[in-house]
Amino acid sequence: MRLLEAKLQMLAAYETMVGKGTWVLWPDGNQYLVIKPEDFRALIEPSERVDEAEEREEQGRRARMPPFFEPKR
């Protein structure tokens, strides 16, 4: 459940940045969202929470796995 909560917080942070940023059209024909450095920093914390939640979930999954035994030769 923590992973889902962390991902929802990350989504909210992205939605906030879309509202704060400015879309620009570059000469290559692509559009880019430009945000201020301090706004970018606001994305780092939610991103780190997602990484930590994924790591905890993976550790829990591995702890529940049966031990692996190699056959003797």
N, C-alpha and C. Protein backbone atom coordinates (compact mmCIF):
# COMPACT_ATOMS: atom_id res chain seq x y z
N MET A 1 0.82 -1.19 0.00
CA MET A 1 0.00 0.00 0.00
C MET A 1 0.87 1.26 0.00
N ARG A 2 2.02 1.18 0.63
CA ARG A 2 2.89 2.35 0.67
C ARG A 2 3.38 2.75 -0.71
N LEU A 3 3.61 1.75 -1.56
CA LEU A 3 4.08 2.04 -2.92
C LEU A 3 3.00 2.79 -3.68
N LEU A 4 1.78 2.37 -3.57
CA LEU A 4 0.68 3.05 -4.24
C LEU A 4 0.54 4.48 -3.75
N GLU A 5 0.63 4.68 -2.44
CA GLU A 5 0.55 6.03 -1.88
C GLU A 5 1.68 6.91 -2.39
N ALA A 6 2.88 6.35 -2.45
CA ALA A 6 4.04 7.11 -2.93
C ALA A 6 3.87 7.49 -4.41
N LYS A 7 3.34 6.56 -5.20
CA LYS A 7 3.13 6.86 -6.62
C LYS A 7 2.04 7.90 -6.81
N LEU A 8 1.01 7.88 -5.98
CA LEU A 8 -0.03 8.90 -6.07
C LEU A 8 0.52 10.27 -5.69
N GLN A 9 1.41 10.32 -4.70
CA GLN A 9 2.04 11.59 -4.33
C GLN A 9 2.93 12.08 -5.46
N MET A 10 3.60 11.17 -6.15
CA MET A 10 4.44 11.55 -7.29
C MET A 10 3.58 12.10 -8.42
N LEU A 11 2.44 11.47 -8.67
CA LEU A 11 1.52 11.96 -9.69
C LEU A 11 1.03 13.37 -9.36
N ALA A 12 0.70 13.59 -8.10
CA ALA A 12 0.26 14.92 -7.68
C ALA A 12 1.36 15.96 -7.88
N ALA A 13 2.60 15.57 -7.60
CA ALA A 13 3.73 16.49 -7.79
C ALA A 13 3.90 16.82 -9.28
N TYR A 14 3.77 15.82 -10.15
CA TYR A 14 3.87 16.07 -11.59
C TYR A 14 2.75 16.98 -12.07
N GLU A 15 1.53 16.74 -11.58
CA GLU A 15 0.41 17.59 -11.98
C GLU A 15 0.64 19.04 -11.56
N THR A 16 1.22 19.22 -10.38
CA THR A 16 1.54 20.57 -9.90
C THR A 16 2.57 21.22 -10.82
N MET A 17 3.58 20.46 -11.24
CA MET A 17 4.61 21.02 -12.11
C MET A 17 4.05 21.39 -13.48
N VAL A 18 3.11 20.61 -13.99
CA VAL A 18 2.51 20.94 -15.28
C VAL A 18 1.78 22.28 -15.17
N GLY A 19 1.17 22.53 -14.01
CA GLY A 19 0.49 23.81 -13.81
C GLY A 19 1.46 24.97 -13.65
N LYS A 20 2.64 24.71 -13.10
CA LYS A 20 3.61 25.78 -12.87
C LYS A 20 4.50 26.05 -14.08
N GLY A 21 4.71 25.02 -14.90
CA GLY A 21 5.64 25.14 -16.02
C GLY A 21 5.05 25.84 -17.22
N THR A 22 5.90 26.01 -18.21
CA THR A 22 5.52 26.65 -19.47
C THR A 22 5.90 25.71 -20.61
N TRP A 23 4.96 25.49 -21.51
CA TRP A 23 5.25 24.66 -22.68
C TRP A 23 5.89 25.54 -23.75
N VAL A 24 6.98 25.06 -24.30
CA VAL A 24 7.67 25.80 -25.36
C VAL A 24 7.87 24.88 -26.56
N LEU A 25 7.87 25.47 -27.73
CA LEU A 25 8.10 24.75 -28.97
C LEU A 25 9.53 25.04 -29.42
N TRP A 26 10.34 23.99 -29.54
CA TRP A 26 11.73 24.15 -29.93
C TRP A 26 11.86 24.03 -31.45
N PRO A 27 12.97 24.49 -31.99
CA PRO A 27 13.18 24.42 -33.45
C PRO A 27 13.09 23.00 -34.01
N ASP A 28 13.33 21.99 -33.17
CA ASP A 28 13.25 20.61 -33.67
C ASP A 28 11.81 20.14 -33.83
N GLY A 29 10.84 21.00 -33.48
CA GLY A 29 9.43 20.66 -33.64
C GLY A 29 8.81 20.00 -32.43
N ASN A 30 9.60 19.71 -31.42
CA ASN A 30 9.07 19.07 -30.21
C ASN A 30 8.68 20.12 -29.18
N GLN A 31 7.71 19.76 -28.35
CA GLN A 31 7.30 20.62 -27.24
C GLN A 31 7.97 20.13 -25.97
N TYR A 32 8.38 21.07 -25.13
CA TYR A 32 9.01 20.74 -23.87
C TYR A 32 8.38 21.55 -22.76
N LEU A 33 8.28 20.93 -21.60
CA LEU A 33 7.79 21.63 -20.41
C LEU A 33 8.99 22.20 -19.68
N VAL A 34 9.02 23.50 -19.49
CA VAL A 34 10.13 24.16 -18.82
C VAL A 34 9.66 24.58 -17.43
N ILE A 35 10.43 24.14 -16.42
CA ILE A 35 10.12 24.51 -15.04
C ILE A 35 11.35 25.13 -14.40
N LYS A 36 11.13 25.84 -13.31
CA LYS A 36 12.24 26.47 -12.59
C LYS A 36 13.00 25.41 -11.78
N PRO A 37 14.29 25.64 -11.53
CA PRO A 37 15.08 24.67 -10.75
C PRO A 37 14.46 24.38 -9.38
N GLU A 38 13.92 25.39 -8.71
CA GLU A 38 13.34 25.14 -7.39
C GLU A 38 12.08 24.28 -7.50
N ASP A 39 11.36 24.40 -8.62
CA ASP A 39 10.21 23.53 -8.83
C ASP A 39 10.65 22.10 -9.11
N PHE A 40 11.76 21.95 -9.82
CA PHE A 40 12.28 20.61 -10.08
C PHE A 40 12.66 19.92 -8.78
N ARG A 41 13.23 20.66 -7.86
CA ARG A 41 13.61 20.08 -6.56
C ARG A 41 12.40 19.52 -5.83
N ALA A 42 11.22 20.11 -6.08
CA ALA A 42 10.00 19.63 -5.44
C ALA A 42 9.60 18.25 -5.95
N LEU A 43 10.15 17.83 -7.09
CA LEU A 43 9.88 16.50 -7.62
C LEU A 43 10.81 15.44 -7.04
N ILE A 44 11.94 15.86 -6.52
CA ILE A 44 12.94 14.91 -6.04
C ILE A 44 12.43 14.11 -4.84
N GLU A 45 11.84 14.80 -3.86
CA GLU A 45 11.38 14.10 -2.65
C GLU A 45 10.32 13.04 -2.95
N PRO A 46 9.26 13.35 -3.71
CA PRO A 46 8.29 12.29 -4.03
C PRO A 46 8.91 11.15 -4.83
N SER A 47 9.86 11.47 -5.69
CA SER A 47 10.53 10.44 -6.47
C SER A 47 11.34 9.52 -5.56
N GLU A 48 12.02 10.09 -4.59
CA GLU A 48 12.79 9.28 -3.64
C GLU A 48 11.88 8.40 -2.80
N ARG A 49 10.69 8.90 -2.44
CA ARG A 49 9.73 8.09 -1.68
C ARG A 49 9.27 6.89 -2.50
N VAL A 50 9.07 7.08 -3.81
CA VAL A 50 8.68 5.96 -4.67
C VAL A 50 9.81 4.94 -4.72
N ASP A 51 11.04 5.40 -4.89
CA ASP A 51 12.19 4.49 -4.92
C ASP A 51 12.30 3.69 -3.63
N GLU A 52 12.14 4.35 -2.49
CA GLU A 52 12.23 3.67 -1.20
C GLU A 52 11.10 2.66 -1.03
N ALA A 53 9.90 3.01 -1.44
CA ALA A 53 8.76 2.10 -1.32
C ALA A 53 8.95 0.88 -2.23
N GLU A 54 9.48 1.10 -3.43
CA GLU A 54 9.75 -0.03 -4.33
C GLU A 54 10.80 -0.95 -3.74
N GLU A 55 11.81 -0.37 -3.13
CA GLU A 55 12.87 -1.18 -2.51
C GLU A 55 12.32 -2.00 -1.34
N ARG A 56 11.49 -1.37 -0.49
CA ARG A 56 10.89 -2.11 0.62
C ARG A 56 9.99 -3.24 0.12
N GLU A 57 9.24 -2.98 -0.94
CA GLU A 57 8.38 -4.01 -1.49
C GLU A 57 9.19 -5.18 -2.04
N GLU A 58 10.29 -4.87 -2.73
CA GLU A 58 11.15 -5.91 -3.27
C GLU A 58 11.79 -6.73 -2.15
N GLN A 59 12.23 -6.07 -1.09
CA GLN A 59 12.82 -6.80 0.04
C GLN A 59 11.79 -7.71 0.69
N GLY A 60 10.55 -7.23 0.81
CA GLY A 60 9.49 -8.07 1.37
C GLY A 60 9.18 -9.26 0.48
N ARG A 61 9.19 -9.02 -0.82
CA ARG A 61 8.94 -10.13 -1.75
C ARG A 61 10.03 -11.17 -1.66
N ARG A 62 11.27 -10.72 -1.59
CA ARG A 62 12.39 -11.67 -1.48
C ARG A 62 12.36 -12.43 -0.16
N ALA A 63 11.93 -11.77 0.90
CA ALA A 63 11.87 -12.44 2.21
C ALA A 63 10.82 -13.55 2.20
N ARG A 64 9.79 -13.40 1.38
CA ARG A 64 8.73 -14.42 1.31
C ARG A 64 9.05 -15.56 0.36
N MET A 65 10.10 -15.40 -0.44
CA MET A 65 10.47 -16.44 -1.40
C MET A 65 11.07 -17.64 -0.68
N PRO A 66 10.78 -18.83 -1.18
CA PRO A 66 11.42 -20.00 -0.55
C PRO A 66 12.92 -19.98 -0.83
N PRO A 67 13.68 -20.56 0.06
CA PRO A 67 15.14 -20.57 -0.17
C PRO A 67 15.48 -21.39 -1.41
N PHE A 68 16.54 -21.01 -2.05
CA PHE A 68 16.99 -21.67 -3.27
C PHE A 68 18.12 -22.61 -2.91
N PHE A 69 17.93 -23.87 -3.25
CA PHE A 69 18.96 -24.88 -2.99
C PHE A 69 19.49 -25.39 -4.31
N GLU A 70 20.81 -25.38 -4.43
CA GLU A 70 21.41 -25.93 -5.62
C GLU A 70 21.66 -27.42 -5.38
N PRO A 71 21.37 -28.25 -6.39
CA PRO A 71 21.62 -29.68 -6.20
C PRO A 71 23.13 -29.95 -6.13
N LYS A 72 23.50 -30.92 -5.31
CA LYS A 72 24.92 -31.29 -5.20
C LYS A 72 25.30 -32.14 -6.40
N ARG A 73 26.52 -31.94 -6.84
CA ARG A 73 27.00 -32.71 -8.01
C ARG A 73 27.95 -33.77 -7.57
